[in-house]
């Protein structure tokens, strides 16, 4: 059977020079999944981890674009396979990236939240439009496993280059920035196929609230598999919709019963009042 990653023109992992533990982690993932991962070895940047991380993602997009790739699957080196990892879903995602038009970003790992305080993000994700049984129209934070189309690579190179060139370097997190540069075309694979390996050390000196929270709780975050469970929400959507429909019907019936009850009671009270009035007159 063909490798499920064959539909991706390139599979590139960003790894910091000297982070041997993380590189070994990705080599193990490559061995298990058959992903033809090549490494882009980044160096520590004088302007800090946020700028260095942003620069690395832009450079990988540039590398793939200059090779003539129509799509590129990009990993950060602290990923792990999710409990729902399935080679057939990977194949489905790769076919989508190879044949679909009008898309910009396809996430294979994500948080479901569009920003750090987007607490309704999981709800929006649950009701996101389904493009295929395993792909929904939605973009969210975290970029440890995502695919860019060729037009998206170009947009990333241009917009990212401008952002990196500003005085003081990058001020935005790369995942938040990516969610702003495209006019739609964001998609996510459900369930997510790659989560972050929160137990590993962080090299980001300006991490987001989400990353700081999960790094602080270390391996507990992996035990929870929170983002994986959230990524299953589109699958339970029909059950939620069914429950809401049933609740609406029950509520409507109760309202009708209560209206009828109080109407009958009011009518009875009126008759009693008229009877008392008649007796009083007599």
Protein backbone atom coordinates (compact mmCIF):
# COMPACT_ATOMS: atom_id res chain seq x y z
CA UNK A 1 0.00 0.00 0.00
CA UNK A 2 1.28 3.48 -0.87
CA UNK A 3 2.69 5.67 1.86
CA UNK A 4 -0.17 7.81 3.32
CA UNK A 5 2.10 10.87 3.14
CA UNK A 6 2.65 10.58 -0.61
CA UNK A 7 0.14 13.36 -1.31
CA UNK A 8 2.29 15.90 0.50
CA UNK A 9 4.96 17.40 -1.74
CA UNK A 10 7.27 17.93 1.23
CA UNK A 11 7.25 17.03 4.93
CA UNK A 12 9.56 19.31 6.90
CA UNK A 13 10.18 19.46 10.63
CA UNK A 14 11.58 22.56 12.35
CA UNK A 15 14.10 21.52 14.98
CA UNK A 16 16.44 23.67 17.02
CA UNK A 17 20.11 22.84 16.67
CA UNK A 18 21.27 20.92 19.72
CA UNK A 19 17.76 19.74 20.71
CA UNK A 20 18.75 16.09 20.26
CA UNK A 21 15.92 14.71 22.40
CA UNK A 22 13.34 16.41 20.22
CA UNK A 23 14.99 15.31 17.01
CA UNK A 24 15.02 11.71 18.25
CA UNK A 25 11.33 12.08 19.04
CA UNK A 26 10.62 13.06 15.43
CA UNK A 27 12.81 10.28 14.07
CA UNK A 28 10.77 7.79 16.08
CA UNK A 29 7.54 9.27 14.71
CA UNK A 30 8.94 8.99 11.18
CA UNK A 31 9.85 5.35 11.80
CA UNK A 32 6.38 4.51 13.14
CA UNK A 33 4.32 6.43 10.58
CA UNK A 34 6.50 6.25 7.48
CA UNK A 35 6.44 10.05 7.17
CA UNK A 36 9.38 11.16 4.96
CA UNK A 37 10.45 13.86 7.40
CA UNK A 38 13.37 16.11 6.57
CA UNK A 39 14.74 18.54 9.14
CA UNK A 40 15.10 22.28 8.97
CA UNK A 41 17.63 22.98 11.72
CA UNK A 42 17.04 26.37 13.23
CA UNK A 43 19.50 28.35 15.30
CA UNK A 44 18.83 30.43 18.37
CA UNK A 45 18.09 33.98 17.32
CA UNK A 46 19.51 37.08 18.98
CA UNK A 47 16.01 38.62 19.05
CA UNK A 48 14.62 35.77 21.12
CA UNK A 49 12.53 32.65 20.81
CA UNK A 50 9.39 34.27 19.41
CA UNK A 51 11.30 35.88 16.55
CA UNK A 52 13.35 32.75 15.95
CA UNK A 53 10.26 30.51 15.83
CA UNK A 54 8.46 32.91 13.48
CA UNK A 55 11.54 33.17 11.25
CA UNK A 56 11.82 29.37 11.02
CA UNK A 57 8.23 28.92 9.87
CA UNK A 58 8.64 31.61 7.21
CA UNK A 59 11.90 30.05 6.03
CA UNK A 60 10.34 26.59 5.70
CA UNK A 61 7.50 28.09 3.65
CA UNK A 62 10.12 29.81 1.47
CA UNK A 63 12.12 26.59 1.08
CA UNK A 64 9.07 24.63 -0.09
CA UNK A 65 7.92 27.46 -2.38
CA UNK A 66 11.30 27.76 -4.08
CA UNK A 67 11.31 24.00 -4.70
CA UNK A 68 8.03 24.38 -6.57
CA UNK A 69 5.96 22.44 -4.03
CA UNK A 70 2.19 22.72 -4.35
CA UNK A 71 1.81 21.97 -0.64
CA UNK A 72 4.05 21.40 2.37
CA UNK A 73 3.38 19.63 5.67
CA UNK A 74 5.20 21.44 8.49
CA UNK A 75 5.97 19.98 11.91
CA UNK A 76 7.48 21.41 15.04
CA UNK A 77 9.73 18.91 16.80
CA UNK A 78 7.64 18.47 19.96
CA UNK A 79 4.71 16.62 18.42
CA UNK A 80 3.33 13.24 19.38
CA UNK A 81 0.77 10.98 17.79
CA UNK A 82 -2.74 11.57 19.07
CA UNK A 83 -4.86 8.65 20.38
CA UNK A 84 -6.87 8.96 17.16
CA UNK A 85 -3.94 8.73 14.77
CA UNK A 86 -5.04 6.85 11.66
CA UNK A 87 -2.98 6.38 8.46
CA UNK A 88 -6.19 6.47 6.42
CA UNK A 89 -7.08 9.89 7.82
CA UNK A 90 -3.55 11.06 6.97
CA UNK A 91 -4.06 9.72 3.43
CA UNK A 92 -7.40 11.54 3.26
CA UNK A 93 -5.73 14.80 4.39
CA UNK A 94 -2.93 14.38 1.85
CA UNK A 95 -5.44 13.75 -0.96
CA UNK A 96 -7.32 16.87 0.12
CA UNK A 97 -4.11 18.92 0.01
CA UNK A 98 -3.23 17.51 -3.41
CA UNK A 99 -6.61 17.86 -5.13
CA UNK A 100 -8.58 20.58 -3.34
CA UNK A 101 -8.53 24.16 -4.65
CA UNK A 102 -9.12 27.35 -2.70
CA UNK A 103 -7.64 26.20 0.57
CA UNK A 104 -4.80 27.88 2.45
CA UNK A 105 -4.12 26.02 5.66
CA UNK A 106 -4.96 22.46 6.74
CA UNK A 107 -4.25 21.75 10.41
CA UNK A 108 -3.49 18.24 11.60
CA UNK A 109 -2.94 19.51 15.15
CA UNK A 110 -4.66 22.47 16.84
CA UNK A 111 -6.41 23.81 19.94
CA UNK A 112 -9.89 24.72 18.48
CA UNK A 113 -9.44 28.30 19.89
CA UNK A 114 -8.75 31.22 17.55
CA UNK A 115 -7.02 33.18 20.31
CA UNK A 116 -5.97 32.62 23.91
CA UNK A 117 -9.26 33.77 25.43
CA UNK A 118 -11.55 32.25 22.81
CA UNK A 119 -13.39 30.06 25.30
CA UNK A 120 -16.28 29.57 22.86
CA UNK A 121 -13.85 28.24 20.27
CA UNK A 122 -14.74 24.59 20.95
CA UNK A 123 -18.44 25.42 20.44
CA UNK A 124 -17.72 27.13 17.12
CA UNK A 125 -15.58 24.16 16.17
CA UNK A 126 -18.38 21.72 16.99
CA UNK A 127 -20.70 23.48 14.55
CA UNK A 128 -18.05 24.17 11.88
CA UNK A 129 -19.04 23.33 8.33
CA UNK A 130 -17.95 19.85 7.28
CA UNK A 131 -16.04 19.73 4.03
CA UNK A 132 -15.53 15.94 4.21
CA UNK A 133 -16.22 13.35 6.93
CA UNK A 134 -12.81 14.15 8.47
CA UNK A 135 -12.20 17.78 7.50
CA UNK A 136 -14.03 20.89 8.73
CA UNK A 137 -13.76 24.59 7.88
CA UNK A 138 -11.99 25.99 10.91
CA UNK A 139 -8.69 27.57 11.87
CA UNK A 140 -7.30 27.78 15.39
CA UNK A 141 -4.21 28.34 17.53
CA UNK A 142 -1.13 26.06 17.58
CA UNK A 143 0.94 25.21 14.53
CA UNK A 144 2.86 22.09 15.50
CA UNK A 145 1.40 20.15 12.55
CA UNK A 146 -0.11 21.96 9.58
CA UNK A 147 -0.06 22.05 5.80
CA UNK A 148 0.14 25.12 3.56
CA UNK A 149 -0.95 25.42 -0.06
CA UNK A 150 1.34 27.10 -2.57
CA UNK A 151 -0.59 30.42 -2.54
CA UNK A 152 -0.47 30.32 1.27
CA UNK A 153 3.31 29.79 1.21
CA UNK A 154 3.69 32.92 -0.90
CA UNK A 155 1.43 34.92 1.42
CA UNK A 156 3.39 33.64 4.42
CA UNK A 157 6.71 34.64 2.84
CA UNK A 158 5.51 38.15 1.94
CA UNK A 159 3.51 39.01 5.07
CA UNK A 160 5.89 37.18 7.37
CA UNK A 161 8.90 38.91 5.85
CA UNK A 162 7.37 42.32 6.49
CA UNK A 163 6.57 41.39 10.09
CA UNK A 164 10.07 40.06 10.75
CA UNK A 165 11.66 43.20 9.31
CA UNK A 166 10.01 45.58 11.76
CA UNK A 167 12.19 47.16 14.48
CA UNK A 168 12.68 44.73 17.35
CA UNK A 169 11.67 41.73 15.29
CA UNK A 170 8.49 39.63 15.45
CA UNK A 171 5.92 40.71 18.02
CA UNK A 172 3.23 38.16 17.11
CA UNK A 173 3.12 34.45 17.78
CA UNK A 174 3.39 32.65 14.46
CA UNK A 175 0.17 30.66 14.95
CA UNK A 176 -1.85 33.81 15.72
CA UNK A 177 -0.25 35.56 12.75
CA UNK A 178 -1.13 32.79 10.30
CA UNK A 179 -4.78 33.07 11.34
CA UNK A 180 -4.77 36.70 10.19
CA UNK A 181 -3.01 36.65 6.83
CA UNK A 182 -5.46 34.56 4.79
CA UNK A 183 -9.00 35.52 3.83
CA UNK A 184 -10.56 32.18 4.66
CA UNK A 185 -9.46 28.79 3.41
CA UNK A 186 -8.72 27.41 6.89
CA UNK A 187 -9.41 23.72 7.44
CA UNK A 188 -8.80 21.20 10.21
CA UNK A 189 -8.59 17.41 10.26
CA UNK A 190 -10.88 15.76 12.79
CA UNK A 191 -9.98 14.06 14.98
CA UNK A 192 -6.59 15.77 15.19
CA UNK A 193 -3.71 13.48 14.28
CA UNK A 194 -0.87 15.16 16.16
CA UNK A 195 -0.79 16.72 19.61
CA UNK A 196 2.08 18.51 21.30
CA UNK A 197 4.48 16.67 23.55
CA UNK A 198 3.97 18.93 26.53
CA UNK A 199 6.42 16.93 28.67
CA UNK A 200 9.34 18.16 26.56
CA UNK A 201 11.19 21.34 27.46
CA UNK A 202 10.15 24.62 25.86
CA UNK A 203 12.62 26.78 23.96
CA UNK A 204 10.13 29.61 23.52
CA UNK A 205 10.96 32.48 25.88
CA UNK A 206 7.71 34.29 25.05
CA UNK A 207 5.17 31.47 24.97
CA UNK A 208 1.42 32.05 24.81
CA UNK A 209 -0.90 31.57 27.79
CA UNK A 210 -2.02 28.21 26.37
CA UNK A 211 1.54 26.90 26.07
CA UNK A 212 2.57 28.24 29.49
CA UNK A 213 -0.45 26.56 31.09
CA UNK A 214 0.21 23.17 29.54
CA UNK A 215 3.96 23.32 30.07
CA UNK A 216 3.31 24.19 33.75
CA UNK A 217 1.17 21.08 34.11
CA UNK A 218 3.74 19.09 32.11
CA UNK A 219 2.85 15.44 31.58
CA UNK A 220 -0.66 15.84 33.01
CA UNK A 221 -1.54 17.67 29.79
CA UNK A 222 -0.65 14.55 27.80
CA UNK A 223 -2.69 12.37 30.14
CA UNK A 224 -5.74 14.58 29.65
CA UNK A 225 -5.52 14.55 25.82
CA UNK A 226 -7.70 17.66 26.04
CA UNK A 227 -7.21 18.93 22.50
CA UNK A 228 -7.78 15.46 21.08
CA UNK A 229 -11.12 15.19 22.89
CA UNK A 230 -12.09 18.68 21.73
CA UNK A 231 -11.23 17.70 18.16
CA UNK A 232 -13.91 15.00 18.38
CA UNK A 233 -16.69 17.57 18.85
CA UNK A 234 -17.82 17.66 15.18
CA UNK A 235 -18.44 13.92 15.49
CA UNK A 236 -20.93 14.41 18.34
CA UNK A 237 -22.58 17.40 16.69
CA UNK A 238 -25.57 15.43 15.40
CA UNK A 239 -26.17 14.02 18.88
CA UNK A 240 -26.03 17.51 20.37
CA UNK A 241 -28.36 18.81 17.66
CA UNK A 242 -30.71 15.88 18.34
CA UNK A 243 -30.65 16.58 22.08
CA UNK A 244 -31.33 20.29 21.47
CA UNK A 245 -34.21 19.41 19.14
CA UNK A 246 -35.68 17.05 21.73
CA UNK A 247 -35.26 19.68 24.43
CA UNK A 248 -37.01 22.23 22.21
CA UNK A 249 -39.95 19.86 21.61
CA UNK A 250 -40.27 19.04 25.30
CA UNK A 251 -40.09 22.74 26.19
CA UNK A 252 -42.76 23.59 23.61
CA UNK A 253 -45.06 20.83 24.93
CA UNK A 254 -44.58 22.03 28.51
CA UNK A 255 -45.39 25.60 27.46
CA UNK A 256 -48.59 24.44 25.73
CA UNK A 257 -49.59 22.40 28.80
CA UNK A 258 -48.89 25.31 31.16
CA UNK A 259 -50.79 27.78 28.96
CA UNK A 260 -53.74 25.40 28.77
CA UNK A 261 -53.62 24.78 32.54
CA UNK A 262 -53.54 28.46 33.49
CA UNK A 263 -56.17 29.33 30.90
CA UNK A 264 -58.50 26.67 32.33
CA UNK A 265 -57.75 27.83 35.86
CA UNK A 266 -58.40 31.46 34.93
CA UNK A 267 -61.68 30.49 33.25
CA UNK A 268 -62.75 28.52 36.32
CA UNK A 269 -61.90 31.45 38.59
CA UNK A 270 -63.96 33.80 36.40
CA UNK A 271 -66.99 31.49 36.53
CA UNK A 272 -66.68 31.22 40.32
CA UNK A 273 -66.50 35.00 40.62
CA UNK A 274 -69.65 35.44 38.48
CA UNK A 275 -71.47 32.83 40.56
CA UNK A 276 -70.63 34.65 43.78
CA UNK A 277 -71.76 37.96 42.28
CA UNK A 278 -75.14 36.49 41.22
CA UNK A 279 -75.74 35.02 44.66
CA UNK A 280 -74.88 38.35 46.27
CA UNK A 281 -77.40 40.19 44.10
CA UNK A 282 -80.11 37.72 44.97
